[in-house]
């Protein structure tokens, strides 16, 4: 949903029919998933306070700017506590460089 919001927000000043259709699809998704959510519970004494993170980057995914799109999620005791999808500031020359930039951004 964050990625859809990110892309749609680029066209707020001059939306066209394609953008309105995409916004309607995003709202339909929200309507269809309103009863789903995150569950936070006690994982037991042996699994207390375990922080896990995942990150993935898409090399030159944005065809307009060739910038890196990075997504990440951090979970505490197997429950998501932070998630993000964003464009990175620079351009890399390889997919491994894109992964490094994404992992570095999440570690910071």
N, C-alpha and C. Protein backbone atom coordinates (compact mmCIF):
# COMPACT_ATOMS: atom_id res chain seq x y z
N UNK A 1 0.82 -1.18 0.00
CA UNK A 1 0.00 0.00 0.00
C UNK A 1 0.87 1.25 0.00
N UNK A 2 1.99 1.20 0.72
CA UNK A 2 2.88 2.36 0.78
C UNK A 2 3.45 2.69 -0.60
N UNK A 3 3.75 1.66 -1.38
CA UNK A 3 4.29 1.89 -2.72
C UNK A 3 3.24 2.53 -3.62
N UNK A 4 1.99 2.09 -3.50
CA UNK A 4 0.91 2.69 -4.30
C UNK A 4 0.71 4.16 -3.92
N UNK A 5 0.73 4.44 -2.63
CA UNK A 5 0.60 5.82 -2.16
C UNK A 5 1.75 6.67 -2.69
N UNK A 6 2.96 6.12 -2.65
CA UNK A 6 4.14 6.84 -3.13
C UNK A 6 3.99 7.21 -4.59
N UNK A 7 3.60 6.26 -5.42
CA UNK A 7 3.47 6.52 -6.86
C UNK A 7 2.31 7.48 -7.15
N UNK A 8 1.18 7.29 -6.49
CA UNK A 8 0.03 8.16 -6.74
C UNK A 8 0.29 9.60 -6.29
N UNK A 9 1.07 9.78 -5.24
CA UNK A 9 1.32 11.13 -4.74
C UNK A 9 2.13 11.98 -5.73
N UNK A 10 2.79 11.34 -6.69
CA UNK A 10 3.54 12.09 -7.70
C UNK A 10 2.62 12.84 -8.66
N UNK A 11 1.35 12.46 -8.71
CA UNK A 11 0.42 13.02 -9.70
C UNK A 11 -0.74 13.77 -9.04
N UNK A 12 -0.53 14.27 -7.84
CA UNK A 12 -1.61 14.97 -7.14
C UNK A 12 -2.05 16.24 -7.83
N UNK A 13 -1.14 16.95 -8.47
CA UNK A 13 -1.47 18.23 -9.08
C UNK A 13 -2.14 18.09 -10.43
N UNK A 14 -1.95 16.96 -11.11
CA UNK A 14 -2.54 16.79 -12.43
C UNK A 14 -2.87 15.32 -12.68
N UNK A 15 -3.82 14.75 -11.91
CA UNK A 15 -4.15 13.34 -12.10
C UNK A 15 -4.95 13.12 -13.38
N UNK A 16 -4.69 11.99 -14.00
CA UNK A 16 -5.43 11.61 -15.20
C UNK A 16 -6.31 10.41 -14.90
N UNK A 17 -7.00 9.91 -15.91
CA UNK A 17 -7.88 8.75 -15.72
C UNK A 17 -7.14 7.51 -15.21
N UNK A 18 -5.92 7.31 -15.66
CA UNK A 18 -5.13 6.16 -15.21
C UNK A 18 -4.84 6.27 -13.71
N UNK A 19 -4.53 7.48 -13.25
CA UNK A 19 -4.21 7.68 -11.84
C UNK A 19 -5.46 7.51 -10.98
N UNK A 20 -6.58 7.98 -11.45
CA UNK A 20 -7.83 7.82 -10.69
C UNK A 20 -8.21 6.35 -10.60
N UNK A 21 -8.01 5.59 -11.68
CA UNK A 21 -8.31 4.16 -11.65
C UNK A 21 -7.38 3.45 -10.66
N UNK A 22 -6.11 3.83 -10.62
CA UNK A 22 -5.18 3.24 -9.67
C UNK A 22 -5.57 3.58 -8.23
N UNK A 23 -6.01 4.81 -8.00
CA UNK A 23 -6.45 5.21 -6.66
C UNK A 23 -7.68 4.41 -6.24
N UNK A 24 -8.61 4.18 -7.16
CA UNK A 24 -9.80 3.37 -6.86
C UNK A 24 -9.41 1.94 -6.53
N UNK A 25 -8.42 1.37 -7.23
CA UNK A 25 -7.94 0.01 -6.92
C UNK A 25 -7.32 -0.03 -5.53
N UNK A 26 -6.55 1.02 -5.19
CA UNK A 26 -5.93 1.07 -3.86
C UNK A 26 -7.00 1.14 -2.77
N UNK A 27 -8.02 1.95 -2.98
CA UNK A 27 -9.11 2.04 -2.00
C UNK A 27 -9.90 0.74 -1.91
N UNK A 28 -10.08 0.06 -3.02
CA UNK A 28 -10.75 -1.24 -3.00
C UNK A 28 -9.95 -2.25 -2.20
N UNK A 29 -8.63 -2.19 -2.31
CA UNK A 29 -7.76 -3.06 -1.52
C UNK A 29 -7.95 -2.78 -0.03
N UNK A 30 -7.98 -1.50 0.35
CA UNK A 30 -8.16 -1.14 1.75
C UNK A 30 -9.52 -1.62 2.25
N UNK A 31 -10.58 -1.43 1.45
CA UNK A 31 -11.91 -1.91 1.83
C UNK A 31 -11.92 -3.42 2.02
N UNK A 32 -11.22 -4.15 1.17
CA UNK A 32 -11.22 -5.61 1.23
C UNK A 32 -10.36 -6.19 2.33
N UNK A 33 -9.49 -5.40 2.93
CA UNK A 33 -8.59 -5.93 3.95
C UNK A 33 -8.74 -5.22 5.29
N UNK A 34 -9.85 -4.51 5.48
CA UNK A 34 -10.01 -3.73 6.71
C UNK A 34 -10.07 -4.60 7.97
N UNK A 35 -10.41 -5.87 7.84
CA UNK A 35 -10.51 -6.75 9.00
C UNK A 35 -9.21 -7.50 9.31
N UNK A 36 -8.16 -7.23 8.55
CA UNK A 36 -6.87 -7.86 8.79
C UNK A 36 -5.98 -6.90 9.58
N UNK A 37 -5.06 -7.45 10.34
CA UNK A 37 -4.20 -6.58 11.13
C UNK A 37 -2.99 -7.32 11.64
N UNK A 38 -2.26 -6.66 12.49
CA UNK A 38 -1.06 -7.23 13.09
C UNK A 38 -1.40 -7.79 14.46
N UNK A 39 -0.76 -8.91 14.81
CA UNK A 39 -1.00 -9.54 16.10
C UNK A 39 0.28 -9.46 16.92
N UNK A 40 0.19 -8.85 18.07
CA UNK A 40 1.33 -8.76 18.98
C UNK A 40 1.01 -9.61 20.21
N UNK A 41 1.89 -10.58 20.51
CA UNK A 41 1.67 -11.45 21.66
C UNK A 41 3.00 -11.79 22.30
N UNK A 42 2.95 -12.41 23.45
CA UNK A 42 4.14 -12.82 24.18
C UNK A 42 4.72 -14.06 23.51
N UNK A 43 5.96 -14.00 23.00
CA UNK A 43 6.54 -15.15 22.29
C UNK A 43 7.12 -16.22 23.21
N UNK A 44 7.09 -16.01 24.49
CA UNK A 44 7.67 -16.96 25.43
C UNK A 44 9.03 -16.47 25.90
N UNK A 45 9.49 -17.02 27.00
CA UNK A 45 10.73 -16.56 27.63
C UNK A 45 11.96 -16.77 26.75
N UNK A 46 12.00 -17.85 25.96
CA UNK A 46 13.19 -18.14 25.16
C UNK A 46 13.30 -17.26 23.92
N UNK A 47 12.26 -16.61 23.50
CA UNK A 47 12.27 -15.79 22.29
C UNK A 47 12.08 -14.30 22.56
N UNK A 48 12.26 -13.86 23.76
CA UNK A 48 12.03 -12.46 24.12
C UNK A 48 13.04 -11.53 23.45
N UNK A 49 12.54 -10.42 22.94
CA UNK A 49 13.35 -9.32 22.41
C UNK A 49 14.33 -9.72 21.32
N UNK A 50 13.84 -10.46 20.36
CA UNK A 50 14.64 -10.82 19.19
C UNK A 50 14.24 -9.88 18.05
N UNK A 51 15.19 -9.05 17.61
CA UNK A 51 14.96 -8.11 16.52
C UNK A 51 15.44 -8.73 15.21
N UNK A 52 14.56 -8.79 14.24
CA UNK A 52 14.87 -9.36 12.93
C UNK A 52 14.55 -8.33 11.87
N UNK A 53 15.38 -8.25 10.84
CA UNK A 53 15.14 -7.30 9.77
C UNK A 53 15.33 -7.91 8.40
N UNK A 54 14.57 -7.43 7.44
CA UNK A 54 14.68 -7.85 6.05
C UNK A 54 14.72 -6.59 5.18
N UNK A 55 15.49 -6.65 4.12
CA UNK A 55 15.59 -5.53 3.20
C UNK A 55 15.72 -6.08 1.78
N UNK A 56 15.14 -5.38 0.83
CA UNK A 56 15.30 -5.75 -0.57
C UNK A 56 15.33 -4.46 -1.39
N UNK A 57 16.15 -4.46 -2.41
CA UNK A 57 16.27 -3.30 -3.29
C UNK A 57 16.01 -3.72 -4.73
N UNK A 58 15.44 -2.81 -5.49
CA UNK A 58 15.17 -3.06 -6.89
C UNK A 58 16.02 -2.09 -7.71
N UNK A 59 16.99 -2.62 -8.41
CA UNK A 59 17.94 -1.82 -9.18
C UNK A 59 17.25 -1.12 -10.33
N UNK A 60 17.31 0.21 -10.37
CA UNK A 60 16.74 1.05 -11.43
C UNK A 60 15.27 0.74 -11.67
N UNK A 61 14.50 0.50 -10.61
CA UNK A 61 13.10 0.14 -10.74
C UNK A 61 12.24 1.30 -11.24
N UNK A 62 12.60 2.51 -10.87
CA UNK A 62 11.85 3.68 -11.30
C UNK A 62 12.33 4.06 -12.70
N UNK A 63 11.52 3.77 -13.71
CA UNK A 63 11.94 4.01 -15.10
C UNK A 63 12.11 5.49 -15.43
N UNK A 64 11.51 6.36 -14.63
CA UNK A 64 11.64 7.80 -14.88
C UNK A 64 13.00 8.34 -14.42
N UNK A 65 13.48 7.88 -13.28
CA UNK A 65 14.70 8.44 -12.71
C UNK A 65 15.84 7.43 -12.59
N UNK A 66 15.58 6.14 -12.81
CA UNK A 66 16.56 5.05 -12.65
C UNK A 66 17.08 4.97 -11.22
N UNK A 67 16.35 5.50 -10.26
CA UNK A 67 16.77 5.43 -8.87
C UNK A 67 16.39 4.08 -8.26
N UNK A 68 17.06 3.75 -7.17
CA UNK A 68 16.85 2.50 -6.47
C UNK A 68 15.59 2.61 -5.61
N UNK A 69 14.75 1.58 -5.63
CA UNK A 69 13.62 1.50 -4.73
C UNK A 69 13.96 0.43 -3.70
N UNK A 70 13.93 0.80 -2.42
CA UNK A 70 14.27 -0.10 -1.33
C UNK A 70 13.09 -0.28 -0.41
N UNK A 71 12.84 -1.52 -0.01
CA UNK A 71 11.81 -1.84 0.96
C UNK A 71 12.44 -2.57 2.13
N UNK A 72 11.96 -2.29 3.32
CA UNK A 72 12.50 -2.95 4.50
C UNK A 72 11.41 -3.17 5.53
N UNK A 73 11.65 -4.14 6.40
CA UNK A 73 10.74 -4.40 7.52
C UNK A 73 11.58 -4.87 8.70
N UNK A 74 11.25 -4.38 9.86
CA UNK A 74 11.90 -4.79 11.11
C UNK A 74 10.82 -5.40 11.99
N UNK A 75 11.14 -6.54 12.60
CA UNK A 75 10.18 -7.24 13.46
C UNK A 75 10.80 -7.49 14.82
N UNK A 76 10.04 -7.28 15.87
CA UNK A 76 10.46 -7.57 17.23
C UNK A 76 9.58 -8.69 17.74
N UNK A 77 10.20 -9.79 18.12
CA UNK A 77 9.46 -10.98 18.57
C UNK A 77 8.48 -11.45 17.50
N UNK A 78 8.91 -11.44 16.26
CA UNK A 78 8.14 -11.90 15.09
C UNK A 78 6.95 -11.01 14.74
N UNK A 79 6.85 -9.83 15.32
CA UNK A 79 5.76 -8.91 15.01
C UNK A 79 6.35 -7.65 14.38
N UNK A 80 5.85 -7.21 13.22
CA UNK A 80 6.39 -6.03 12.56
C UNK A 80 6.25 -4.78 13.43
N UNK A 81 7.34 -4.03 13.55
CA UNK A 81 7.31 -2.78 14.29
C UNK A 81 7.69 -1.58 13.43
N UNK A 82 8.33 -1.84 12.27
CA UNK A 82 8.72 -0.76 11.38
C UNK A 82 8.83 -1.30 9.97
N UNK A 83 8.29 -0.55 9.01
CA UNK A 83 8.41 -0.94 7.61
C UNK A 83 8.50 0.31 6.77
N UNK A 84 9.16 0.18 5.62
CA UNK A 84 9.42 1.37 4.81
C UNK A 84 9.66 0.97 3.36
N UNK A 85 9.23 1.80 2.46
CA UNK A 85 9.55 1.69 1.05
C UNK A 85 9.90 3.08 0.57
N UNK A 86 11.07 3.23 -0.07
CA UNK A 86 11.49 4.57 -0.47
C UNK A 86 12.47 4.51 -1.64
N UNK A 87 12.64 5.66 -2.27
CA UNK A 87 13.66 5.83 -3.30
C UNK A 87 14.96 6.23 -2.61
N UNK A 88 16.06 5.64 -3.04
CA UNK A 88 17.35 6.02 -2.49
C UNK A 88 17.87 7.27 -3.21
N UNK A 89 18.81 7.94 -2.58
CA UNK A 89 19.28 9.22 -3.08
C UNK A 89 20.14 9.17 -4.33
N UNK A 90 20.79 8.07 -4.60
CA UNK A 90 21.72 8.04 -5.72
C UNK A 90 21.40 6.95 -6.72
N UNK A 91 22.27 6.82 -7.70
CA UNK A 91 22.14 5.79 -8.73
C UNK A 91 23.35 4.87 -8.60
N UNK A 92 23.13 3.56 -8.64
CA UNK A 92 24.24 2.62 -8.61
C UNK A 92 24.41 2.00 -9.98
N UNK A 93 25.53 1.32 -10.16
CA UNK A 93 25.83 0.72 -11.45
C UNK A 93 25.57 -0.79 -11.50
N UNK A 94 25.08 -1.35 -10.40
CA UNK A 94 24.81 -2.79 -10.38
C UNK A 94 23.72 -3.11 -9.36
N UNK A 95 23.15 -4.30 -9.49
CA UNK A 95 22.13 -4.71 -8.54
C UNK A 95 22.74 -4.99 -7.17
N UNK A 96 23.99 -5.47 -7.14
CA UNK A 96 24.63 -5.70 -5.84
C UNK A 96 24.90 -4.36 -5.13
N UNK A 97 25.21 -3.33 -5.88
CA UNK A 97 25.37 -1.99 -5.30
C UNK A 97 24.06 -1.49 -4.72
N UNK A 98 22.96 -1.77 -5.43
CA UNK A 98 21.63 -1.36 -4.95
C UNK A 98 21.30 -2.07 -3.64
N UNK A 99 21.63 -3.36 -3.54
CA UNK A 99 21.38 -4.11 -2.31
C UNK A 99 22.21 -3.55 -1.16
N UNK A 100 23.47 -3.21 -1.43
CA UNK A 100 24.34 -2.64 -0.41
C UNK A 100 23.80 -1.31 0.10
N UNK A 101 23.36 -0.44 -0.81
CA UNK A 101 22.82 0.86 -0.43
C UNK A 101 21.57 0.66 0.41
N UNK A 102 20.70 -0.27 0.03
CA UNK A 102 19.48 -0.53 0.79
C UNK A 102 19.77 -1.06 2.19
N UNK A 103 20.69 -2.02 2.29
CA UNK A 103 21.05 -2.58 3.59
C UNK A 103 21.69 -1.52 4.47
N UNK A 104 22.50 -0.67 3.90
CA UNK A 104 23.15 0.40 4.66
C UNK A 104 22.11 1.38 5.20
N UNK A 105 21.12 1.72 4.39
CA UNK A 105 20.08 2.66 4.82
C UNK A 105 19.27 2.08 5.98
N UNK A 106 18.96 0.79 5.93
CA UNK A 106 18.19 0.17 7.01
C UNK A 106 19.02 0.07 8.27
N UNK A 107 20.31 -0.23 8.14
CA UNK A 107 21.17 -0.34 9.31
C UNK A 107 21.31 1.00 10.02
N UNK A 108 21.24 2.10 9.28
CA UNK A 108 21.36 3.42 9.89
C UNK A 108 20.14 3.72 10.72
